[in-house]
Amino acid sequence: MQTRHRDLTLMAERLSCNPLAGWIAVGSVVFLLGGCSEGEAPPTPTTAAAPLAVDPDVARRRGLEPAAVARGADLYAAHCAECHGARAEGAPGWHKPGPDGKYPPPPLDGSAHAWHHPRAALRVTIQEGTARLGGNMPAWKGKLSDAEIEAVVDWMVARWPDEIHGAWREIEGKAARH
């Protein structure tokens, strides 16, 4: 996991320095939404059984507004849970392509690949969906406001285990510097 994390961190850093990083990031999100490769066992979710609510103190420690995180939980339940699971655990078999060759919705609880991508890439994925990239996720731009999309991302980030959140902050920091 650490070698893979280091490789993905380096990849994210290189992509964020590229003038085409926005499009490359969107393309790499197909990987995000695809889950792990078929030959690799998915990590065990550590928060799949946790409720949607996030401890306000955790949100504050992570620099997030607790009210926005709570709003994100409500928005997730209303718009995302149908595909990504009631507790962001992902669809069964998310790490293997279905009969159509597309991967089912992955977990967003820190056990898949969402945390490997900076906030901007997560936001673009939600806004644009993945249909143009061969995925099944619909575009939410025009259905959810920018503030609502940010709240959903805040909620996801607030729920990730501390180790995952720390690794994501490194990726986010590197993306912000480039």
N, C-alpha and C. Protein backbone atom coordinates (compact mmCIF):
# COMPACT_ATOMS: atom_id res chain seq x y z
N MET A 1 0.83 -1.20 0.00
CA MET A 1 0.00 0.00 0.00
C MET A 1 0.87 1.25 0.00
N GLN A 2 1.95 1.27 0.80
CA GLN A 2 2.78 2.47 0.85
C GLN A 2 3.48 2.72 -0.47
N THR A 3 3.98 1.66 -1.13
CA THR A 3 4.62 1.84 -2.43
C THR A 3 3.61 2.38 -3.42
N ARG A 4 2.43 1.81 -3.41
CA ARG A 4 1.38 2.27 -4.32
C ARG A 4 1.02 3.72 -4.03
N HIS A 5 0.89 4.07 -2.73
CA HIS A 5 0.57 5.44 -2.36
C HIS A 5 1.65 6.39 -2.86
N ARG A 6 2.93 6.01 -2.68
CA ARG A 6 4.04 6.85 -3.14
C ARG A 6 3.97 7.03 -4.65
N ASP A 7 3.72 5.95 -5.38
CA ASP A 7 3.61 6.03 -6.84
C ASP A 7 2.47 6.94 -7.26
N LEU A 8 1.32 6.80 -6.61
CA LEU A 8 0.18 7.64 -6.96
C LEU A 8 0.41 9.09 -6.57
N THR A 9 1.10 9.31 -5.46
CA THR A 9 1.41 10.68 -5.05
C THR A 9 2.32 11.33 -6.09
N LEU A 10 3.34 10.60 -6.54
CA LEU A 10 4.24 11.14 -7.57
C LEU A 10 3.49 11.41 -8.86
N MET A 11 2.58 10.49 -9.22
CA MET A 11 1.79 10.69 -10.43
C MET A 11 0.92 11.94 -10.29
N ALA A 12 0.29 12.10 -9.16
CA ALA A 12 -0.56 13.28 -8.95
C ALA A 12 0.26 14.56 -9.03
N GLU A 13 1.47 14.52 -8.46
CA GLU A 13 2.33 15.70 -8.50
C GLU A 13 2.71 16.02 -9.95
N ARG A 14 3.11 15.01 -10.72
CA ARG A 14 3.48 15.25 -12.12
C ARG A 14 2.30 15.78 -12.92
N LEU A 15 1.13 15.21 -12.69
CA LEU A 15 -0.05 15.66 -13.43
C LEU A 15 -0.40 17.09 -13.09
N SER A 16 -0.23 17.47 -11.82
CA SER A 16 -0.63 18.81 -11.42
C SER A 16 0.32 19.87 -11.98
N CYS A 17 1.51 19.49 -12.43
CA CYS A 17 2.46 20.43 -13.01
C CYS A 17 2.25 20.60 -14.51
N ASN A 18 1.45 19.79 -15.11
CA ASN A 18 1.21 19.78 -16.55
C ASN A 18 0.13 20.78 -16.90
N PRO A 19 0.31 21.57 -17.96
CA PRO A 19 -0.74 22.51 -18.35
C PRO A 19 -2.06 21.84 -18.69
N LEU A 20 -2.01 20.60 -19.07
CA LEU A 20 -3.24 19.87 -19.39
C LEU A 20 -3.75 19.08 -18.19
N ALA A 21 -3.27 19.46 -17.02
CA ALA A 21 -3.57 18.69 -15.82
C ALA A 21 -5.06 18.52 -15.58
N GLY A 22 -5.84 19.54 -15.86
CA GLY A 22 -7.28 19.42 -15.64
C GLY A 22 -7.88 18.27 -16.43
N TRP A 23 -7.54 18.19 -17.71
CA TRP A 23 -8.08 17.10 -18.53
C TRP A 23 -7.46 15.77 -18.17
N ILE A 24 -6.18 15.80 -17.87
CA ILE A 24 -5.53 14.56 -17.47
C ILE A 24 -6.13 14.07 -16.15
N ALA A 25 -6.37 15.01 -15.24
CA ALA A 25 -6.97 14.62 -13.96
C ALA A 25 -8.34 14.00 -14.17
N VAL A 26 -9.12 14.60 -15.08
CA VAL A 26 -10.45 14.03 -15.36
C VAL A 26 -10.29 12.62 -15.92
N GLY A 27 -9.32 12.46 -16.83
CA GLY A 27 -9.09 11.13 -17.39
C GLY A 27 -8.65 10.14 -16.35
N SER A 28 -7.82 10.61 -15.43
CA SER A 28 -7.33 9.70 -14.39
C SER A 28 -8.44 9.34 -13.42
N VAL A 29 -9.48 10.13 -13.39
CA VAL A 29 -10.59 9.84 -12.49
C VAL A 29 -11.34 8.60 -12.94
N VAL A 30 -11.22 8.24 -14.22
CA VAL A 30 -11.79 6.97 -14.65
C VAL A 30 -11.20 5.86 -13.79
N PHE A 31 -9.89 5.97 -13.54
CA PHE A 31 -9.24 5.03 -12.65
C PHE A 31 -9.84 5.13 -11.25
N LEU A 32 -10.06 6.35 -10.80
CA LEU A 32 -10.69 6.59 -9.50
C LEU A 32 -12.03 5.89 -9.41
N LEU A 33 -12.83 6.06 -10.44
CA LEU A 33 -14.17 5.49 -10.41
C LEU A 33 -14.17 4.01 -10.74
N GLY A 34 -13.06 3.52 -11.25
CA GLY A 34 -12.97 2.12 -11.61
C GLY A 34 -12.58 1.21 -10.47
N GLY A 35 -12.03 1.74 -9.41
CA GLY A 35 -11.60 0.91 -8.32
C GLY A 35 -10.24 0.32 -8.57
N CYS A 36 -9.93 -0.78 -7.93
CA CYS A 36 -8.63 -1.42 -8.05
C CYS A 36 -8.58 -2.30 -9.28
N SER A 37 -7.36 -2.66 -9.67
CA SER A 37 -7.21 -3.58 -10.78
C SER A 37 -7.75 -4.93 -10.36
N GLU A 38 -8.12 -5.73 -11.35
CA GLU A 38 -8.75 -7.01 -11.09
C GLU A 38 -7.87 -7.94 -10.27
N GLY A 39 -6.55 -7.87 -10.44
CA GLY A 39 -5.66 -8.78 -9.76
C GLY A 39 -5.35 -8.37 -8.33
N GLU A 40 -5.93 -7.32 -7.85
CA GLU A 40 -5.60 -6.80 -6.55
C GLU A 40 -6.84 -6.85 -5.66
N ALA A 41 -6.70 -7.35 -4.46
CA ALA A 41 -7.82 -7.39 -3.54
C ALA A 41 -8.10 -5.98 -3.04
N PRO A 42 -9.37 -5.58 -2.96
CA PRO A 42 -9.67 -4.25 -2.46
C PRO A 42 -9.39 -4.15 -0.97
N PRO A 43 -8.99 -2.96 -0.51
CA PRO A 43 -8.78 -2.79 0.93
C PRO A 43 -10.08 -2.97 1.68
N THR A 44 -9.98 -3.34 2.92
CA THR A 44 -11.17 -3.47 3.75
C THR A 44 -11.63 -2.10 4.18
N PRO A 45 -12.90 -1.74 3.90
CA PRO A 45 -13.39 -0.43 4.32
C PRO A 45 -13.34 -0.32 5.84
N THR A 46 -12.89 0.82 6.31
CA THR A 46 -12.82 1.03 7.75
C THR A 46 -13.99 1.86 8.25
N THR A 47 -14.73 2.48 7.34
CA THR A 47 -15.82 3.33 7.78
C THR A 47 -17.16 2.91 7.20
N ALA A 48 -17.23 1.76 6.52
CA ALA A 48 -18.46 1.37 5.86
C ALA A 48 -19.62 1.24 6.85
N ALA A 49 -19.34 0.86 8.09
CA ALA A 49 -20.41 0.71 9.07
C ALA A 49 -20.70 2.00 9.83
N ALA A 50 -19.92 3.05 9.58
CA ALA A 50 -20.12 4.31 10.30
C ALA A 50 -21.36 5.02 9.77
N PRO A 51 -22.04 5.75 10.64
CA PRO A 51 -23.20 6.51 10.17
C PRO A 51 -22.77 7.65 9.25
N LEU A 52 -23.72 8.25 8.56
CA LEU A 52 -23.43 9.37 7.66
C LEU A 52 -22.92 10.59 8.40
N ALA A 53 -23.36 10.77 9.63
CA ALA A 53 -22.94 11.94 10.40
C ALA A 53 -21.44 11.88 10.69
N VAL A 54 -20.83 13.06 10.74
CA VAL A 54 -19.41 13.20 11.05
C VAL A 54 -19.29 14.01 12.32
N ASP A 55 -18.39 13.59 13.19
CA ASP A 55 -18.13 14.31 14.43
C ASP A 55 -17.68 15.73 14.07
N PRO A 56 -18.38 16.77 14.56
CA PRO A 56 -18.00 18.15 14.25
C PRO A 56 -16.56 18.48 14.62
N ASP A 57 -16.04 17.85 15.69
CA ASP A 57 -14.64 18.11 16.07
C ASP A 57 -13.67 17.58 15.01
N VAL A 58 -13.99 16.43 14.42
CA VAL A 58 -13.16 15.89 13.34
C VAL A 58 -13.19 16.84 12.16
N ALA A 59 -14.38 17.32 11.81
CA ALA A 59 -14.50 18.26 10.69
C ALA A 59 -13.65 19.50 10.94
N ARG A 60 -13.75 20.07 12.13
CA ARG A 60 -12.98 21.28 12.46
C ARG A 60 -11.48 21.02 12.41
N ARG A 61 -11.04 19.89 12.96
CA ARG A 61 -9.60 19.55 12.93
C ARG A 61 -9.09 19.44 11.50
N ARG A 62 -9.95 19.10 10.59
CA ARG A 62 -9.55 18.96 9.18
C ARG A 62 -9.78 20.25 8.39
N GLY A 63 -10.12 21.32 9.10
CA GLY A 63 -10.31 22.61 8.45
C GLY A 63 -11.62 22.73 7.69
N LEU A 64 -12.59 21.94 8.08
CA LEU A 64 -13.89 21.94 7.41
C LEU A 64 -14.95 22.53 8.32
N GLU A 65 -15.92 23.15 7.73
CA GLU A 65 -17.04 23.73 8.48
C GLU A 65 -18.04 22.61 8.78
N PRO A 66 -18.31 22.30 10.06
CA PRO A 66 -19.22 21.22 10.40
C PRO A 66 -20.60 21.33 9.73
N ALA A 67 -21.12 22.54 9.58
CA ALA A 67 -22.44 22.69 8.94
C ALA A 67 -22.38 22.27 7.47
N ALA A 68 -21.28 22.60 6.78
CA ALA A 68 -21.13 22.19 5.38
C ALA A 68 -21.00 20.67 5.27
N VAL A 69 -20.29 20.07 6.21
CA VAL A 69 -20.13 18.61 6.21
C VAL A 69 -21.49 17.95 6.44
N ALA A 70 -22.27 18.47 7.36
CA ALA A 70 -23.60 17.92 7.62
C ALA A 70 -24.49 18.08 6.38
N ARG A 71 -24.40 19.22 5.71
CA ARG A 71 -25.15 19.42 4.46
C ARG A 71 -24.69 18.42 3.41
N GLY A 72 -23.39 18.17 3.34
CA GLY A 72 -22.85 17.18 2.41
C GLY A 72 -23.40 15.79 2.67
N ALA A 73 -23.58 15.44 3.95
CA ALA A 73 -24.16 14.14 4.29
C ALA A 73 -25.58 14.03 3.75
N ASP A 74 -26.36 15.10 3.92
CA ASP A 74 -27.74 15.10 3.41
C ASP A 74 -27.76 15.00 1.89
N LEU A 75 -26.88 15.76 1.23
CA LEU A 75 -26.82 15.73 -0.23
C LEU A 75 -26.37 14.36 -0.73
N TYR A 76 -25.39 13.78 -0.07
CA TYR A 76 -24.93 12.45 -0.44
C TYR A 76 -26.09 11.45 -0.34
N ALA A 77 -26.80 11.48 0.77
CA ALA A 77 -27.91 10.55 0.97
C ALA A 77 -28.97 10.72 -0.13
N ALA A 78 -29.21 11.96 -0.52
CA ALA A 78 -30.26 12.23 -1.52
C ALA A 78 -29.83 11.93 -2.95
N HIS A 79 -28.54 12.10 -3.28
CA HIS A 79 -28.13 12.04 -4.68
C HIS A 79 -27.09 10.97 -5.00
N CYS A 80 -26.33 10.52 -4.03
CA CYS A 80 -25.18 9.65 -4.33
C CYS A 80 -25.33 8.23 -3.78
N ALA A 81 -26.05 8.10 -2.67
CA ALA A 81 -26.13 6.82 -1.96
C ALA A 81 -26.74 5.72 -2.81
N GLU A 82 -27.63 6.06 -3.71
CA GLU A 82 -28.27 5.04 -4.54
C GLU A 82 -27.23 4.22 -5.31
N CYS A 83 -26.17 4.86 -5.76
CA CYS A 83 -25.13 4.16 -6.52
C CYS A 83 -23.91 3.78 -5.67
N HIS A 84 -23.45 4.72 -4.83
CA HIS A 84 -22.22 4.50 -4.08
C HIS A 84 -22.45 3.84 -2.72
N GLY A 85 -23.69 3.57 -2.36
CA GLY A 85 -24.00 2.90 -1.10
C GLY A 85 -24.41 3.86 -0.02
N ALA A 86 -25.28 3.40 0.85
CA ALA A 86 -25.83 4.23 1.92
C ALA A 86 -24.75 4.79 2.83
N ARG A 87 -23.66 4.08 2.97
CA ARG A 87 -22.56 4.53 3.83
C ARG A 87 -21.27 4.70 3.05
N ALA A 88 -21.41 4.97 1.75
CA ALA A 88 -20.28 5.20 0.85
C ALA A 88 -19.40 3.97 0.68
N GLU A 89 -20.00 2.78 0.87
CA GLU A 89 -19.24 1.53 0.79
C GLU A 89 -19.04 1.03 -0.63
N GLY A 90 -19.68 1.64 -1.60
CA GLY A 90 -19.53 1.22 -2.99
C GLY A 90 -20.48 0.08 -3.33
N ALA A 91 -20.61 -0.16 -4.62
CA ALA A 91 -21.46 -1.24 -5.10
C ALA A 91 -20.74 -2.57 -4.93
N PRO A 92 -21.49 -3.64 -4.74
CA PRO A 92 -20.85 -4.96 -4.67
C PRO A 92 -20.04 -5.21 -5.96
N GLY A 93 -18.88 -5.77 -5.81
CA GLY A 93 -18.04 -6.07 -6.96
C GLY A 93 -17.46 -4.85 -7.65
N TRP A 94 -17.39 -3.73 -6.93
CA TRP A 94 -16.94 -2.47 -7.52
C TRP A 94 -15.57 -2.54 -8.15
N HIS A 95 -14.74 -3.46 -7.73
CA HIS A 95 -13.36 -3.54 -8.23
C HIS A 95 -13.21 -4.43 -9.47
N LYS A 96 -14.32 -4.94 -10.00
CA LYS A 96 -14.28 -5.78 -11.20
C LYS A 96 -15.27 -5.23 -12.23
N PRO A 97 -14.87 -5.20 -13.50
CA PRO A 97 -15.80 -4.67 -14.51
C PRO A 97 -17.04 -5.55 -14.63
N GLY A 98 -18.15 -4.90 -14.91
CA GLY A 98 -19.39 -5.61 -15.12
C GLY A 98 -19.48 -6.14 -16.55
N PRO A 99 -20.61 -6.72 -16.91
CA PRO A 99 -20.78 -7.27 -18.27
C PRO A 99 -20.60 -6.22 -19.36
N ASP A 100 -20.85 -4.96 -19.04
CA ASP A 100 -20.69 -3.89 -20.03
C ASP A 100 -19.25 -3.38 -20.11
N GLY A 101 -18.35 -3.97 -19.30
CA GLY A 101 -16.95 -3.56 -19.29
C GLY A 101 -16.67 -2.37 -18.40
N LYS A 102 -17.71 -1.82 -17.80
CA LYS A 102 -17.55 -0.66 -16.92
C LYS A 102 -17.54 -1.13 -15.47
N TYR A 103 -16.82 -0.37 -14.65
CA TYR A 103 -16.75 -0.71 -13.24
C TYR A 103 -17.94 -0.14 -12.50
N PRO A 104 -18.49 -0.90 -11.55
CA PRO A 104 -19.56 -0.38 -10.70
C PRO A 104 -19.04 0.77 -9.82
N PRO A 105 -19.93 1.56 -9.26
CA PRO A 105 -19.50 2.68 -8.41
C PRO A 105 -18.62 2.21 -7.25
N PRO A 106 -17.48 2.87 -7.07
CA PRO A 106 -16.56 2.47 -6.00
C PRO A 106 -16.95 3.07 -4.66
N PRO A 107 -16.34 2.59 -3.60
CA PRO A 107 -16.53 3.21 -2.29
C PRO A 107 -15.95 4.63 -2.29
N LEU A 108 -16.54 5.46 -1.48
CA LEU A 108 -16.03 6.82 -1.28
C LEU A 108 -15.65 7.03 0.18
N ASP A 109 -15.49 5.92 0.89
CA ASP A 109 -15.23 5.94 2.33
C ASP A 109 -13.75 5.89 2.70
N GLY A 110 -12.87 6.04 1.71
CA GLY A 110 -11.44 5.99 1.98
C GLY A 110 -10.84 4.64 1.67
N SER A 111 -11.64 3.67 1.24
CA SER A 111 -11.12 2.34 0.97
C SER A 111 -10.83 2.09 -0.51
N ALA A 112 -11.13 3.05 -1.37
CA ALA A 112 -10.87 2.89 -2.80
C ALA A 112 -9.91 3.99 -3.24
N HIS A 113 -10.18 4.64 -4.36
CA HIS A 113 -9.20 5.56 -4.95
C HIS A 113 -9.56 7.04 -4.88
N ALA A 114 -10.69 7.40 -4.36
CA ALA A 114 -11.06 8.82 -4.34
C ALA A 114 -9.99 9.67 -3.66
N TRP A 115 -9.41 9.17 -2.60
CA TRP A 115 -8.43 9.95 -1.84
C TRP A 115 -7.12 10.15 -2.59
N HIS A 116 -6.91 9.46 -3.69
CA HIS A 116 -5.70 9.63 -4.48
C HIS A 116 -5.75 10.87 -5.37
N HIS A 117 -6.84 11.57 -5.35
CA HIS A 117 -7.05 12.70 -6.25
C HIS A 117 -7.31 13.98 -5.47
N PRO A 118 -6.71 15.09 -5.92
CA PRO A 118 -6.95 16.36 -5.23
C PRO A 118 -8.41 16.78 -5.36
N ARG A 119 -8.79 17.70 -4.49
CA ARG A 119 -10.16 18.20 -4.44
C ARG A 119 -10.66 18.63 -5.82
N ALA A 120 -9.82 19.31 -6.59
CA ALA A 120 -10.25 19.79 -7.91
C ALA A 120 -10.68 18.63 -8.81
N ALA A 121 -9.97 17.53 -8.77
CA ALA A 121 -10.33 16.37 -9.60
C ALA A 121 -11.62 15.74 -9.10
N LEU A 122 -11.81 15.67 -7.79
CA LEU A 122 -13.06 15.13 -7.24
C LEU A 122 -14.24 16.00 -7.66
N ARG A 123 -14.04 17.31 -7.57
CA ARG A 123 -15.09 18.26 -7.94
C ARG A 123 -15.45 18.10 -9.42
N VAL A 124 -14.45 18.02 -10.30
CA VAL A 124 -14.70 17.88 -11.74
C VAL A 124 -15.44 16.57 -12.02
N THR A 125 -15.06 15.51 -11.34
CA THR A 125 -15.73 14.23 -11.55
C THR A 125 -17.21 14.33 -11.21
N ILE A 126 -17.52 14.98 -10.10
CA ILE A 126 -18.92 15.14 -9.72
C ILE A 126 -19.64 16.05 -10.71
N GLN A 127 -19.02 17.14 -11.08
CA GLN A 127 -19.65 18.09 -12.01
C GLN A 127 -19.90 17.47 -13.38
N GLU A 128 -18.88 16.84 -13.94
CA GLU A 128 -18.93 16.37 -15.32
C GLU A 128 -19.38 14.92 -15.48
N GLY A 129 -19.32 14.14 -14.41
CA GLY A 129 -19.63 12.72 -14.53
C GLY A 129 -18.54 12.02 -15.32
N THR A 130 -18.81 10.79 -15.71
CA THR A 130 -17.80 10.02 -16.42
C THR A 130 -18.29 9.47 -17.75
N ALA A 131 -19.46 9.87 -18.20
CA ALA A 131 -20.01 9.33 -19.46
C ALA A 131 -19.07 9.58 -20.64
N ARG A 132 -18.48 10.78 -20.72
CA ARG A 132 -17.57 11.08 -21.83
C ARG A 132 -16.29 10.27 -21.76
N LEU A 133 -16.03 9.71 -20.60
CA LEU A 133 -14.82 8.91 -20.41
C LEU A 133 -15.12 7.42 -20.44
N GLY A 134 -16.35 7.06 -20.74
CA GLY A 134 -16.73 5.65 -20.79
C GLY A 134 -17.28 5.10 -19.49
N GLY A 135 -17.58 5.97 -18.54
CA GLY A 135 -18.12 5.53 -17.26
C GLY A 135 -19.63 5.71 -17.19
N ASN A 136 -20.19 5.37 -16.05
CA ASN A 136 -21.64 5.44 -15.84
C ASN A 136 -22.10 6.61 -14.98
N MET A 137 -21.18 7.32 -14.34
CA MET A 137 -21.59 8.36 -13.41
C MET A 137 -22.17 9.55 -14.16
N PRO A 138 -23.37 9.98 -13.77
CA PRO A 138 -23.95 11.15 -14.43
C PRO A 138 -23.28 12.45 -14.00
N ALA A 139 -23.42 13.46 -14.82
CA ALA A 139 -22.93 14.80 -14.47
C ALA A 139 -23.91 15.43 -13.50
N TRP A 140 -23.39 16.08 -12.47
CA TRP A 140 -24.24 16.74 -11.48
C TRP A 140 -24.22 18.26 -11.62
N LYS A 141 -23.42 18.77 -12.55
CA LYS A 141 -23.40 20.21 -12.81
C LYS A 141 -24.78 20.61 -13.31
N GLY A 142 -25.31 21.67 -12.75
CA GLY A 142 -26.65 22.11 -13.11
C GLY A 142 -27.73 21.47 -12.26
N LYS A 143 -27.39 20.37 -11.59
CA LYS A 143 -28.33 19.72 -10.67
C LYS A 143 -27.95 20.04 -9.23
N LEU A 144 -26.64 20.12 -9.00
CA LEU A 144 -26.12 20.53 -7.70
C LEU A 144 -25.30 21.80 -7.92
N SER A 145 -25.42 22.73 -7.01
CA SER A 145 -24.62 23.96 -7.11
C SER A 145 -23.17 23.65 -6.78
N ASP A 146 -22.29 24.58 -7.10
CA ASP A 146 -20.88 24.42 -6.75
C ASP A 146 -20.72 24.25 -5.23
N ALA A 147 -21.48 25.01 -4.46
CA ALA A 147 -21.41 24.91 -3.00
C ALA A 147 -21.89 23.53 -2.52
N GLU A 148 -22.90 23.00 -3.17
CA GLU A 148 -23.38 21.66 -2.79
C GLU A 148 -22.35 20.59 -3.14
N ILE A 149 -21.72 20.71 -4.28
CA ILE A 149 -20.67 19.76 -4.67
C ILE A 149 -19.52 19.83 -3.67
N GLU A 150 -19.13 21.05 -3.29
CA GLU A 150 -18.07 21.21 -2.28
C GLU A 150 -18.47 20.55 -0.96
N ALA A 151 -19.74 20.68 -0.58
CA ALA A 151 -20.21 20.08 0.67
C ALA A 151 -20.12 18.56 0.61
N VAL A 152 -20.44 17.96 -0.53
CA VAL A 152 -20.33 16.51 -0.67
C VAL A 152 -18.86 16.09 -0.56
N VAL A 153 -17.97 16.83 -1.21
CA VAL A 153 -16.54 16.52 -1.11
C VAL A 153 -16.09 16.68 0.34
N ASP A 154 -16.52 17.75 1.00
CA ASP A 154 -16.16 17.95 2.42
C ASP A 154 -16.61 16.76 3.26
N TRP A 155 -17.83 16.29 3.01
CA TRP A 155 -18.35 15.15 3.77
C TRP A 155 -17.48 13.91 3.55
N MET A 156 -17.12 13.63 2.29
CA MET A 156 -16.27 12.47 2.01
C MET A 156 -14.95 12.59 2.77
N VAL A 157 -14.30 13.75 2.62
CA VAL A 157 -12.99 13.99 3.23
C VAL A 157 -13.07 13.87 4.75
N ALA A 158 -14.15 14.34 5.32
CA ALA A 158 -14.31 14.31 6.78
C ALA A 158 -14.48 12.88 7.30
N ARG A 159 -14.95 11.98 6.47
CA ARG A 159 -15.20 10.60 6.90
C ARG A 159 -14.00 9.67 6.72
N TRP A 160 -13.02 10.09 5.94
CA TRP A 160 -11.88 9.21 5.70
C TRP A 160 -11.10 8.97 6.98
N PRO A 161 -10.56 7.77 7.15
CA PRO A 161 -9.72 7.50 8.32
C PRO A 161 -8.54 8.47 8.36
N ASP A 162 -8.02 8.73 9.55
CA ASP A 162 -6.94 9.71 9.72
C ASP A 162 -5.75 9.45 8.79
N GLU A 163 -5.32 8.20 8.67
CA GLU A 163 -4.17 7.88 7.81
C GLU A 163 -4.46 8.23 6.35
N ILE A 164 -5.63 7.91 5.89
CA ILE A 164 -6.02 8.21 4.50
C ILE A 164 -6.12 9.72 4.33
N HIS A 165 -6.74 10.39 5.28
CA HIS A 165 -6.87 11.85 5.18
C HIS A 165 -5.50 12.52 5.14
N GLY A 166 -4.58 12.05 5.96
CA GLY A 166 -3.23 12.61 5.97
C GLY A 166 -2.54 12.44 4.62
N ALA A 167 -2.68 11.27 4.02
CA ALA A 167 -2.07 11.02 2.70
C ALA A 167 -2.74 11.92 1.65
N TRP A 168 -4.04 12.08 1.74
CA TRP A 168 -4.76 12.95 0.80
C TRP A 168 -4.31 14.40 0.95
N ARG A 169 -4.09 14.84 2.17
CA ARG A 169 -3.63 16.22 2.39
C ARG A 169 -2.28 16.45 1.71
N GLU A 170 -1.41 15.45 1.70
CA GLU A 170 -0.14 15.57 0.98
C GLU A 170 -0.39 15.77 -0.51
N ILE A 171 -1.26 14.98 -1.08
CA ILE A 171 -1.60 15.09 -2.51
C ILE A 171 -2.22 16.45 -2.78
N GLU A 172 -3.12 16.86 -1.94
CA GLU A 172 -3.79 18.15 -2.09
C GLU A 172 -2.78 19.29 -2.00
N GLY A 173 -1.86 19.20 -1.05
CA GLY A 173 -0.82 20.23 -0.90
C GLY A 173 0.07 20.34 -2.13
N LYS A 174 0.47 19.20 -2.67
CA LYS A 174 1.31 19.21 -3.87
C LYS A 174 0.56 19.80 -5.06
N ALA A 175 -0.71 19.47 -5.19
CA ALA A 175 -1.51 20.01 -6.29
C ALA A 175 -1.65 21.52 -6.15
N ALA A 176 -1.78 22.01 -4.93
CA ALA A 176 -1.94 23.45 -4.70
C ALA A 176 -0.66 24.23 -5.01
N ARG A 177 0.49 23.58 -4.85
CA ARG A 177 1.77 24.25 -5.11
C ARG A 177 2.08 24.36 -6.59
N HIS A 178 1.37 23.63 -7.44
CA HIS A 178 1.70 23.63 -8.87
C HIS A 178 0.67 24.33 -9.68
